Amino acid sequence: MTNTTSLWLAALIAAAVGVDLIFDLGWSIFLVRKLTDLIEWLSFWR
């Protein structure tokens, strides 16, 4: 993963959490679970 890709991914995750917090959608727990799944999947392919 290049630095540019990781920065875009971090910005996308931060934007999703920000929208969730602003609009109080209640997706925080869902997003955190999916983020941990993504991290585990990426570490498997490393």
PDB file of N, CA and C in Angstrom:
ATOM      1  N   MET A   1       0.851  -1.163   0.000  1.00  0.00           N
ATOM      2  CA  MET A   1       0.000   0.000   0.000  1.00  0.00           C
ATOM      3  C   MET A   1       0.900   1.230   0.000  1.00  0.00           C
ATOM      4  N   THR A   2       0.633   2.120  -0.906  1.00  0.00           N
ATOM      5  CA  THR A   2       1.446   3.327  -0.983  1.00  0.00           C
ATOM      6  C   THR A   2       0.958   4.355   0.037  1.00  0.00           C
ATOM      7  N   ASN A   3       1.764   5.376   0.233  1.00  0.00           N
ATOM      8  CA  ASN A   3       1.379   6.430   1.177  1.00  0.00           C
ATOM      9  C   ASN A   3       0.115   7.144   0.724  1.00  0.00           C
ATOM     10  N   THR A   4      -0.009   7.365  -0.566  1.00  0.00           N
ATOM     11  CA  THR A   4      -1.195   8.056  -1.085  1.00  0.00           C
ATOM     12  C   THR A   4      -2.452   7.235  -0.826  1.00  0.00           C
ATOM     13  N   THR A   5      -2.366   5.940  -1.057  1.00  0.00           N
ATOM     14  CA  THR A   5      -3.522   5.074  -0.824  1.00  0.00           C
ATOM     15  C   THR A   5      -3.897   5.046   0.644  1.00  0.00           C
ATOM     16  N   SER A   6      -2.917   4.952   1.508  1.00  0.00           N
ATOM     17  CA  SER A   6      -3.210   4.906   2.939  1.00  0.00           C
ATOM     18  C   SER A   6      -3.797   6.222   3.434  1.00  0.00           C
ATOM     19  N   LEU A   7      -3.347   7.327   2.888  1.00  0.00           N
ATOM     20  CA  LEU A   7      -3.917   8.624   3.275  1.00  0.00           C
ATOM     21  C   LEU A   7      -5.365   8.757   2.801  1.00  0.00           C
ATOM     22  N   TRP A   8      -5.657   8.303   1.593  1.00  0.00           N
ATOM     23  CA  TRP A   8      -7.041   8.332   1.096  1.00  0.00           C
ATOM     24  C   TRP A   8      -7.936   7.429   1.931  1.00  0.00           C
ATOM     25  N   LEU A   9      -7.447   6.266   2.299  1.00  0.00           N
ATOM     26  CA  LEU A   9      -8.216   5.348   3.128  1.00  0.00           C
ATOM     27  C   LEU A   9      -8.476   5.951   4.508  1.00  0.00           C
ATOM     28  N   ALA A  10      -7.470   6.565   5.092  1.00  0.00           N
ATOM     29  CA  ALA A  10      -7.638   7.209   6.402  1.00  0.00           C
ATOM     30  C   ALA A  10      -8.631   8.367   6.315  1.00  0.00           C
ATOM     31  N   ALA A  11      -8.557   9.144   5.232  1.00  0.00           N
ATOM     32  CA  ALA A  11      -9.490  10.257   5.053  1.00  0.00           C
ATOM     33  C   ALA A  11     -10.918   9.749   4.871  1.00  0.00           C
ATOM     34  N   LEU A  12     -11.078   8.668   4.141  1.00  0.00           N
ATOM     35  CA  LEU A  12     -12.406   8.086   3.933  1.00  0.00           C
ATOM     36  C   LEU A  12     -12.996   7.576   5.233  1.00  0.00           C
ATOM     37  N   ILE A  13     -12.188   6.908   6.039  1.00  0.00           N
ATOM     38  CA  ILE A  13     -12.651   6.406   7.335  1.00  0.00           C
ATOM     39  C   ILE A  13     -12.995   7.561   8.268  1.00  0.00           C
ATOM     40  N   ALA A  14     -12.144   8.590   8.296  1.00  0.00           N
ATOM     41  CA  ALA A  14     -12.406   9.749   9.149  1.00  0.00           C
ATOM     42  C   ALA A  14     -13.678  10.465   8.718  1.00  0.00           C
ATOM     43  N   ALA A  15     -13.907  10.574   7.414  1.00  0.00           N
ATOM     44  CA  ALA A  15     -15.128  11.215   6.917  1.00  0.00           C
ATOM     45  C   ALA A  15     -16.361  10.405   7.298  1.00  0.00           C
ATOM     46  N   ALA A  16     -16.279   9.090   7.199  1.00  0.00           N
ATOM     47  CA  ALA A  16     -17.414   8.237   7.559  1.00  0.00           C
ATOM     48  C   ALA A  16     -17.739   8.350   9.047  1.00  0.00           C
ATOM     49  N   VAL A  17     -16.724   8.360   9.874  1.00  0.00           N
ATOM     50  CA  VAL A  17     -16.955   8.513  11.317  1.00  0.00           C
ATOM     51  C   VAL A  17     -17.479   9.912  11.626  1.00  0.00           C
ATOM     52  N   GLY A  18     -16.954  10.926  10.945  1.00  0.00           N
ATOM     53  CA  GLY A  18     -17.430  12.290  11.150  1.00  0.00           C
ATOM     54  C   GLY A  18     -18.890  12.456  10.779  1.00  0.00           C
ATOM     55  N   VAL A  19     -19.286  11.893   9.656  1.00  0.00           N
ATOM     56  CA  VAL A  19     -20.701  11.959   9.252  1.00  0.00           C
ATOM     57  C   VAL A  19     -21.566  11.230  10.264  1.00  0.00           C
ATOM     58  N   ASP A  20     -21.088  10.094  10.756  1.00  0.00           N
ATOM     59  CA  ASP A  20     -21.837   9.337  11.748  1.00  0.00           C
ATOM     60  C   ASP A  20     -22.018  10.144  13.033  1.00  0.00           C
ATOM     61  N   LEU A  21     -20.971  10.819  13.463  1.00  0.00           N
ATOM     62  CA  LEU A  21     -21.059  11.606  14.697  1.00  0.00           C
ATOM     63  C   LEU A  21     -21.930  12.848  14.522  1.00  0.00           C
ATOM     64  N   ILE A  22     -21.826  13.491  13.364  1.00  0.00           N
ATOM     65  CA  ILE A  22     -22.606  14.711  13.128  1.00  0.00           C
ATOM     66  C   ILE A  22     -24.097  14.408  13.042  1.00  0.00           C
ATOM     67  N   PHE A  23     -24.446  13.382  12.292  1.00  0.00           N
ATOM     68  CA  PHE A  23     -25.851  13.070  12.073  1.00  0.00           C
ATOM     69  C   PHE A  23     -26.404  12.039  13.046  1.00  0.00           C
ATOM     70  N   ASP A  24     -25.567  11.565  13.962  1.00  0.00           N
ATOM     71  CA  ASP A  24     -25.959  10.606  15.002  1.00  0.00           C
ATOM     72  C   ASP A  24     -26.694   9.411  14.402  1.00  0.00           C
ATOM     73  N   LEU A  25     -26.045   8.768  13.451  1.00  0.00           N
ATOM     74  CA  LEU A  25     -26.660   7.649  12.745  1.00  0.00           C
ATOM     75  C   LEU A  25     -26.547   6.333  13.499  1.00  0.00           C
ATOM     76  N   GLY A  26     -25.639   6.257  14.462  1.00  0.00           N
ATOM     77  CA  GLY A  26     -25.488   5.042  15.251  1.00  0.00           C
ATOM     78  C   GLY A  26     -24.718   3.952  14.544  1.00  0.00           C
ATOM     79  N   TRP A  27     -23.937   4.298  13.551  1.00  0.00           N
ATOM     80  CA  TRP A  27     -23.176   3.308  12.809  1.00  0.00           C
ATOM     81  C   TRP A  27     -21.760   3.162  13.335  1.00  0.00           C
ATOM     82  N   SER A  28     -21.423   3.832  14.418  1.00  0.00           N
ATOM     83  CA  SER A  28     -20.041   3.813  14.919  1.00  0.00           C
ATOM     84  C   SER A  28     -19.563   2.407  15.228  1.00  0.00           C
ATOM     85  N   ILE A  29     -20.380   1.644  15.923  1.00  0.00           N
ATOM     86  CA  ILE A  29     -19.976   0.290  16.286  1.00  0.00           C
ATOM     87  C   ILE A  29     -19.835  -0.566  15.034  1.00  0.00           C
ATOM     88  N   PHE A  30     -20.768  -0.408  14.090  1.00  0.00           N
ATOM     89  CA  PHE A  30     -20.687  -1.142  12.828  1.00  0.00           C
ATOM     90  C   PHE A  30     -19.413  -0.786  12.081  1.00  0.00           C
ATOM     91  N   LEU A  31     -19.090   0.505  12.023  1.00  0.00           N
ATOM     92  CA  LEU A  31     -17.891   0.935  11.311  1.00  0.00           C
ATOM     93  C   LEU A  31     -16.620   0.431  11.975  1.00  0.00           C
ATOM     94  N   VAL A  32     -16.589   0.431  13.291  1.00  0.00           N
ATOM     95  CA  VAL A  32     -15.408  -0.057  14.004  1.00  0.00           C
ATOM     96  C   VAL A  32     -15.222  -1.548  13.765  1.00  0.00           C
ATOM     97  N   ARG A  33     -16.319  -2.295  13.777  1.00  0.00           N
ATOM     98  CA  ARG A  33     -16.210  -3.736  13.517  1.00  0.00           C
ATOM     99  C   ARG A  33     -15.713  -3.998  12.103  1.00  0.00           C
ATOM    100  N   LYS A  34     -16.237  -3.269  11.132  1.00  0.00           N
ATOM    101  CA  LYS A  34     -15.804  -3.456   9.750  1.00  0.00           C
ATOM    102  C   LYS A  34     -14.354  -3.006   9.571  1.00  0.00           C
ATOM    103  N   LEU A  35     -13.952  -1.972  10.281  1.00  0.00           N
ATOM    104  CA  LEU A  35     -12.570  -1.512  10.207  1.00  0.00           C
ATOM    105  C   LEU A  35     -11.616  -2.571  10.759  1.00  0.00           C
ATOM    106  N   THR A  36     -11.979  -3.200  11.860  1.00  0.00           N
ATOM    107  CA  THR A  36     -11.118  -4.249  12.400  1.00  0.00           C
ATOM    108  C   THR A  36     -11.068  -5.444  11.457  1.00  0.00           C
ATOM    109  N   ASP A  37     -12.190  -5.766  10.809  1.00  0.00           N
ATOM    110  CA  ASP A  37     -12.175  -6.838   9.811  1.00  0.00           C
ATOM    111  C   ASP A  37     -11.257  -6.482   8.649  1.00  0.00           C
ATOM    112  N   LEU A  38     -11.302  -5.229   8.213  1.00  0.00           N
ATOM    113  CA  LEU A  38     -10.442  -4.776   7.120  1.00  0.00           C
ATOM    114  C   LEU A  38      -8.969  -4.861   7.514  1.00  0.00           C
ATOM    115  N   ILE A  39      -8.644  -4.465   8.728  1.00  0.00           N
ATOM    116  CA  ILE A  39      -7.258  -4.516   9.195  1.00  0.00           C
ATOM    117  C   ILE A  39      -6.770  -5.960   9.257  1.00  0.00           C
ATOM    118  N   GLU A  40      -7.614  -6.862   9.751  1.00  0.00           N
ATOM    119  CA  GLU A  40      -7.218  -8.266   9.799  1.00  0.00           C
ATOM    120  C   GLU A  40      -7.036  -8.830   8.392  1.00  0.00           C
ATOM    121  N   TRP A  41      -7.914  -8.457   7.464  1.00  0.00           N
ATOM    122  CA  TRP A  41      -7.811  -8.940   6.089  1.00  0.00           C
ATOM    123  C   TRP A  41      -6.535  -8.419   5.430  1.00  0.00           C
ATOM    124  N   LEU A  42      -6.229  -7.147   5.662  1.00  0.00           N
ATOM    125  CA  LEU A  42      -5.005  -6.571   5.077  1.00  0.00           C
ATOM    126  C   LEU A  42      -3.760  -7.199   5.688  1.00  0.00           C
ATOM    127  N   SER A  43      -3.786  -7.483   6.981  1.00  0.00           N
ATOM    128  CA  SER A  43      -2.614  -8.093   7.607  1.00  0.00           C
ATOM    129  C   SER A  43      -2.419  -9.520   7.116  1.00  0.00           C
ATOM    130  N   PHE A  44      -3.493 -10.192   6.734  1.00  0.00           N
ATOM    131  CA  PHE A  44      -3.383 -11.540   6.170  1.00  0.00           C
ATOM    132  C   PHE A  44      -2.649 -11.486   4.825  1.00  0.00           C
ATOM    133  N   TRP A  45      -2.950 -10.496   4.006  1.00  0.00           N
ATOM    134  CA  TRP A  45      -2.344 -10.403   2.685  1.00  0.00           C
ATOM    135  C   TRP A  45      -0.944  -9.795   2.715  1.00  0.00           C
ATOM    136  N   ARG A  46      -0.529  -9.334   3.840  1.00  0.00           N
ATOM    137  CA  ARG A  46       0.809  -8.756   3.968  1.00  0.00           C
ATOM    138  C   ARG A  46       1.782  -9.844   3.914  1.00  0.00           C
TER     139      ARG A  46
END
